[in-house]
Amino acid sequence: MTTVWSAGASLSLNQVVAPTDSRRNNGLFFKVTQAGTTGSSEPSWGKTIGQTIYDNTVRYVSFSSTFSDVQSLNPSAIIELFILTLKEGIHYPSGNPGSATEKYYFHAGSSLNANGQIRWQGQDYLRFPVEATGFAFQRGQLPRPKLVVSNATGLISAILLTVNETTTGNDLTGATITRIRTLAKFLDAANFADGQNSTADPTAEFPREIYGIDRKSAENREVVEFELAAPTDLMGIKIPKRTATRDEFPALGTFS
């Protein structure tokens, strides 16, 4: 079982540690190769498999449990989840006086529950007819995925109408879609009929992918289609957006 990093913790050899939520962005875990006590501040976690990380008297090596599981001859099923996040002042009024829904959690597959819900990290994701494609990188170009949502129940059109009351003609432009992938073996125990899952691990997931809704490309009685773009591929975005430091880019200043 994975332990989430904390300051001043005593760690033993081969113990597996996960970064805190705010630093967990690349899907990697860290196995203790030298026992000791963690520092007062969280270390700069590595971004590649096999990298050595130093944390006070503790040493780690980075690895990916999802990668090793996918490479097995009989891998666990990959579960794909999505979070739609609206922006205050654009998709609902500032201060949210009407208590509008700010985030929608959904998945496109089936689950062990009769109602089609999947619980991940204590959050319920509702089953919703959706097809997401185009996440692969092609010839060095940033992907521009498409998200096609069924309009059979009218829910997505209702969301658009509510959003457009705040910003006319917005159609969810600027909202973010977070794509989460994990393995079925890591799902919360609540997903299983007996309420037990010995391999449940809420920290085990692939690197999260975050895209902005660039535009609504189609809407009819059957479906609504959105075109997504990477945060750096949206109109009006400039790079760099933040100052580069040696904490995150160790090679800075080492070139001659």
Protein backbone atom coordinates (compact mmCIF):
# COMPACT_ATOMS: atom_id res chain seq x y z
CA MET A 1 0.00 0.00 0.00
CA THR A 2 1.25 3.47 -0.86
CA THR A 3 2.00 6.10 1.79
CA VAL A 4 1.45 9.78 0.99
CA TRP A 5 4.53 11.91 1.74
CA SER A 6 4.61 13.89 4.98
CA ALA A 7 7.30 15.93 6.72
CA GLY A 8 9.47 14.32 9.40
CA ALA A 9 8.22 10.82 8.66
CA SER A 10 10.35 7.75 9.35
CA LEU A 11 10.48 5.56 6.24
CA SER A 12 11.74 2.00 5.94
CA LEU A 13 13.52 0.27 3.07
CA ASN A 14 11.29 -0.56 0.04
CA GLN A 15 8.37 1.50 1.36
CA VAL A 16 6.40 3.13 -1.48
CA VAL A 17 5.62 6.85 -1.25
CA ALA A 18 3.32 9.05 -3.34
CA PRO A 19 3.61 12.85 -3.61
CA THR A 20 0.93 15.00 -1.98
CA ASP A 21 -2.12 15.85 -4.09
CA SER A 22 -0.80 19.22 -5.25
CA ARG A 23 2.49 17.68 -6.48
CA ARG A 24 1.04 14.51 -8.02
CA ASN A 25 1.03 15.22 -11.73
CA ASN A 26 3.10 12.61 -13.52
CA GLY A 27 1.75 9.26 -12.33
CA LEU A 28 5.00 8.15 -10.70
CA PHE A 29 5.60 6.53 -7.30
CA PHE A 30 8.80 6.48 -5.28
CA LYS A 31 10.32 3.43 -3.59
CA VAL A 32 12.63 3.96 -0.62
CA THR A 33 16.15 2.71 -1.42
CA GLN A 34 17.73 4.21 1.71
CA ALA A 35 15.71 4.30 4.92
CA GLY A 36 15.63 7.48 6.97
CA THR A 37 13.55 10.51 7.90
CA THR A 38 11.89 12.86 5.42
CA GLY A 39 12.72 16.55 5.33
CA SER A 40 10.67 19.54 6.45
CA SER A 41 9.56 20.36 2.89
CA GLU A 42 8.47 18.08 0.05
CA PRO A 43 11.27 17.24 -2.39
CA SER A 44 11.27 18.00 -6.10
CA TRP A 45 9.90 14.71 -7.40
CA GLY A 46 11.38 13.22 -10.54
CA LYS A 47 9.55 13.06 -13.83
CA THR A 48 11.16 9.95 -15.35
CA ILE A 49 11.20 6.28 -14.35
CA GLY A 50 14.40 5.18 -12.55
CA GLN A 51 15.40 8.63 -11.29
CA THR A 52 16.98 8.97 -7.82
CA ILE A 53 15.31 11.46 -5.47
CA TYR A 54 16.96 12.89 -2.34
CA ASP A 55 14.84 13.81 0.69
CA ASN A 56 16.85 14.65 3.81
CA THR A 57 18.27 11.22 4.85
CA VAL A 58 15.86 9.28 2.60
CA ARG A 59 16.61 8.15 -0.95
CA TYR A 60 13.96 7.06 -3.45
CA VAL A 61 13.85 5.63 -6.96
CA SER A 62 10.92 6.59 -9.18
CA PHE A 63 8.72 3.98 -10.83
CA SER A 64 5.22 3.57 -12.26
CA SER A 65 2.94 0.86 -10.94
CA THR A 66 0.47 1.41 -13.78
CA PHE A 67 3.25 1.06 -16.37
CA SER A 68 4.47 -2.24 -14.97
CA ASP A 69 0.91 -3.57 -14.73
CA VAL A 70 0.05 -2.60 -18.32
CA GLN A 71 3.21 -4.37 -19.55
CA SER A 72 2.11 -7.65 -17.96
CA LEU A 73 0.68 -10.51 -20.06
CA ASN A 74 -2.73 -10.12 -18.46
CA PRO A 75 -3.14 -6.44 -17.57
CA SER A 76 -6.04 -5.08 -15.57
CA ALA A 77 -8.64 -3.10 -17.51
CA ILE A 78 -7.93 0.60 -17.99
CA ILE A 79 -10.64 2.86 -16.55
CA GLU A 80 -11.14 6.28 -18.16
CA LEU A 81 -12.74 9.10 -16.16
CA PHE A 82 -13.46 12.75 -16.94
CA ILE A 83 -13.98 15.95 -14.94
CA LEU A 84 -15.65 18.97 -16.54
CA THR A 85 -14.71 22.11 -14.60
CA LEU A 86 -16.54 25.40 -15.18
CA LYS A 87 -15.03 28.85 -14.60
CA GLU A 88 -16.51 31.35 -12.20
CA GLY A 89 -17.66 34.59 -13.82
CA ILE A 90 -17.75 32.97 -17.25
CA HIS A 91 -19.91 29.86 -16.89
CA TYR A 92 -21.72 30.86 -13.71
CA PRO A 93 -22.00 34.22 -11.89
CA SER A 94 -19.19 35.39 -9.63
CA GLY A 95 -19.76 34.24 -6.09
CA ASN A 96 -22.08 31.53 -7.42
CA PRO A 97 -25.25 33.00 -5.83
CA GLY A 98 -27.41 30.32 -7.45
CA SER A 99 -25.21 27.43 -6.22
CA ALA A 100 -24.58 26.25 -9.78
CA THR A 101 -22.73 22.97 -10.32
CA GLU A 102 -19.06 23.84 -10.77
CA LYS A 103 -17.73 20.38 -11.64
CA TYR A 104 -19.27 17.40 -13.44
CA TYR A 105 -17.77 13.92 -12.95
CA PHE A 106 -18.48 11.25 -15.54
CA HIS A 107 -17.20 8.16 -17.34
CA ALA A 108 -18.21 6.46 -20.56
CA GLY A 109 -17.93 2.79 -19.58
CA SER A 110 -19.76 0.35 -17.36
CA SER A 111 -19.02 -0.61 -13.80
CA LEU A 112 -19.83 -3.28 -11.27
CA ASN A 113 -22.59 -1.11 -9.81
CA ALA A 114 -26.15 -1.43 -11.13
CA ASN A 115 -26.42 2.35 -11.46
CA GLY A 116 -23.28 2.58 -13.58
CA GLN A 117 -21.34 4.76 -11.15
CA ILE A 118 -17.61 4.43 -10.58
CA ARG A 119 -16.07 5.69 -7.34
CA TRP A 120 -12.51 6.94 -7.55
CA GLN A 121 -10.70 8.66 -4.69
CA GLY A 122 -14.02 8.85 -2.85
CA GLN A 123 -15.74 10.73 -5.70
CA ASP A 124 -18.62 9.24 -7.72
CA TYR A 125 -18.34 9.43 -11.51
CA LEU A 126 -21.68 9.01 -13.30
CA ARG A 127 -22.01 6.91 -16.42
CA PHE A 128 -22.75 9.16 -19.37
CA PRO A 129 -22.74 8.46 -23.13
CA VAL A 130 -19.53 10.15 -24.26
CA GLU A 131 -16.78 9.42 -26.78
CA ALA A 132 -13.36 11.04 -26.42
CA THR A 133 -10.77 10.61 -29.19
CA GLY A 134 -7.59 12.16 -30.53
CA PHE A 135 -5.38 12.24 -27.42
CA ALA A 136 -2.32 10.81 -29.18
CA PHE A 137 0.58 13.07 -30.21
CA GLN A 138 1.12 13.07 -33.98
CA ARG A 139 4.44 14.12 -35.56
CA GLY A 140 5.33 16.40 -32.68
CA GLN A 141 2.06 18.35 -32.82
CA LEU A 142 -0.05 18.97 -29.75
CA PRO A 143 -3.20 16.83 -29.80
CA ARG A 144 -6.60 18.49 -30.30
CA PRO A 145 -8.98 15.84 -28.98
CA LYS A 146 -12.70 15.71 -29.70
CA LEU A 147 -15.35 15.08 -27.08
CA VAL A 148 -18.70 13.86 -28.39
CA VAL A 149 -21.48 13.83 -25.79
CA SER A 150 -24.89 12.22 -26.27
CA ASN A 151 -27.77 14.67 -26.16
CA ALA A 152 -30.42 11.98 -25.79
CA THR A 153 -31.36 13.14 -22.30
CA GLY A 154 -30.96 16.82 -23.09
CA LEU A 155 -28.57 17.25 -20.16
CA ILE A 156 -25.69 18.73 -22.14
CA SER A 157 -27.98 21.22 -23.90
CA ALA A 158 -29.39 22.21 -20.51
CA ILE A 159 -25.83 22.87 -19.26
CA LEU A 160 -25.13 24.99 -22.33
CA LEU A 161 -28.30 27.03 -21.82
CA THR A 162 -27.38 27.71 -18.20
CA VAL A 163 -23.82 28.70 -19.14
CA ASN A 164 -25.02 30.99 -21.93
CA GLU A 165 -27.22 32.86 -19.47
CA THR A 166 -24.00 34.04 -17.81
CA THR A 167 -21.97 34.60 -20.99
CA THR A 168 -23.99 34.81 -24.19
CA GLY A 169 -22.84 32.35 -26.84
CA ASN A 170 -20.07 30.90 -24.67
CA ASP A 171 -21.09 27.23 -25.14
CA LEU A 172 -18.58 26.08 -22.46
CA THR A 173 -15.61 27.67 -24.22
CA GLY A 174 -12.78 27.95 -21.69
CA ALA A 175 -14.04 25.16 -19.44
CA THR A 176 -11.50 22.44 -18.70
CA ILE A 177 -11.69 18.70 -19.25
CA THR A 178 -9.46 16.54 -17.06
CA ARG A 179 -8.86 13.02 -18.34
CA ILE A 180 -8.01 10.48 -15.64
CA ARG A 181 -6.92 6.91 -16.32
CA THR A 182 -6.29 4.16 -13.80
CA LEU A 183 -6.58 0.37 -13.66
CA ALA A 184 -9.66 -1.50 -12.46
CA LYS A 185 -7.58 -3.26 -9.79
CA PHE A 186 -6.91 0.08 -8.07
CA LEU A 187 -10.54 1.26 -7.83
CA ASP A 188 -12.12 2.03 -4.46
CA ALA A 189 -13.51 -0.95 -2.59
CA ALA A 190 -17.00 0.62 -2.83
CA ASN A 191 -17.11 -0.41 -6.51
CA PHE A 192 -17.22 -4.11 -5.66
CA ALA A 193 -20.22 -6.18 -4.59
CA ASP A 194 -18.64 -7.31 -1.31
CA GLY A 195 -17.23 -3.86 -0.57
CA GLN A 196 -13.68 -5.17 -0.53
CA ASN A 197 -10.68 -4.72 -2.80
CA SER A 198 -7.27 -5.66 -1.43
CA THR A 199 -5.47 -3.86 -4.30
CA ALA A 200 -7.38 -0.56 -3.99
CA ASP A 201 -4.98 2.39 -4.24
CA PRO A 202 -6.35 5.92 -4.81
CA THR A 203 -2.89 7.24 -5.71
CA ALA A 204 -2.27 4.84 -8.60
CA GLU A 205 -3.15 6.56 -11.84
CA PHE A 206 -1.59 7.58 -15.14
CA PRO A 207 -0.49 11.22 -15.53
CA ARG A 208 -3.59 13.40 -15.70
CA GLU A 209 -4.28 15.19 -18.98
CA ILE A 210 -5.93 18.61 -18.82
CA TYR A 211 -7.45 20.28 -21.88
CA GLY A 212 -9.51 23.39 -22.43
CA ILE A 213 -12.71 23.43 -24.49
CA ASP A 214 -11.72 25.50 -27.52
CA ARG A 215 -15.14 25.54 -29.19
CA LYS A 216 -18.42 23.74 -29.68
CA SER A 217 -18.09 22.26 -33.17
CA ALA A 218 -21.56 20.67 -33.52
CA GLU A 219 -24.90 20.41 -31.73
CA ASN A 220 -28.05 18.56 -32.71
CA ARG A 221 -30.72 16.40 -31.10
CA GLU A 222 -28.38 13.39 -30.96
CA VAL A 223 -24.99 14.74 -29.91
CA VAL A 224 -22.96 17.79 -28.95
CA GLU A 225 -19.34 17.83 -30.11
CA PHE A 226 -16.53 19.86 -28.58
CA GLU A 227 -13.00 20.47 -29.81
CA LEU A 228 -10.38 20.46 -27.05
CA ALA A 229 -6.94 22.02 -26.95
CA ALA A 230 -3.92 21.88 -24.66
CA PRO A 231 -3.64 24.86 -22.26
CA THR A 232 -0.69 26.22 -24.28
CA ASP A 233 -2.60 25.85 -27.56
CA LEU A 234 -5.50 28.17 -26.69
CA MET A 235 -5.98 31.65 -28.10
CA GLY A 236 -4.27 34.41 -26.14
CA ILE A 237 -1.90 32.11 -24.24
CA LYS A 238 1.78 33.03 -24.18
CA ILE A 239 4.79 30.93 -23.17
CA PRO A 240 6.44 30.99 -20.71
CA LYS A 241 3.64 31.54 -18.20
CA ARG A 242 5.93 31.22 -15.18
CA THR A 243 9.55 31.70 -14.18
CA ALA A 244 11.82 28.71 -14.74
CA THR A 245 13.72 27.71 -11.58
CA ARG A 246 16.39 25.11 -10.90
CA ASP A 247 14.00 23.37 -8.46
CA GLU A 248 11.89 22.21 -11.39
CA PHE A 249 14.55 22.45 -14.15
CA PRO A 250 17.85 21.25 -12.60
CA ALA A 251 19.79 21.77 -15.85
CA LEU A 252 19.31 25.56 -15.80
CA GLY A 253 22.65 27.38 -15.84
CA THR A 254 24.69 24.25 -16.53
CA PHE A 255 25.16 24.79 -20.27
CA SER A 256 28.34 26.40 -21.54
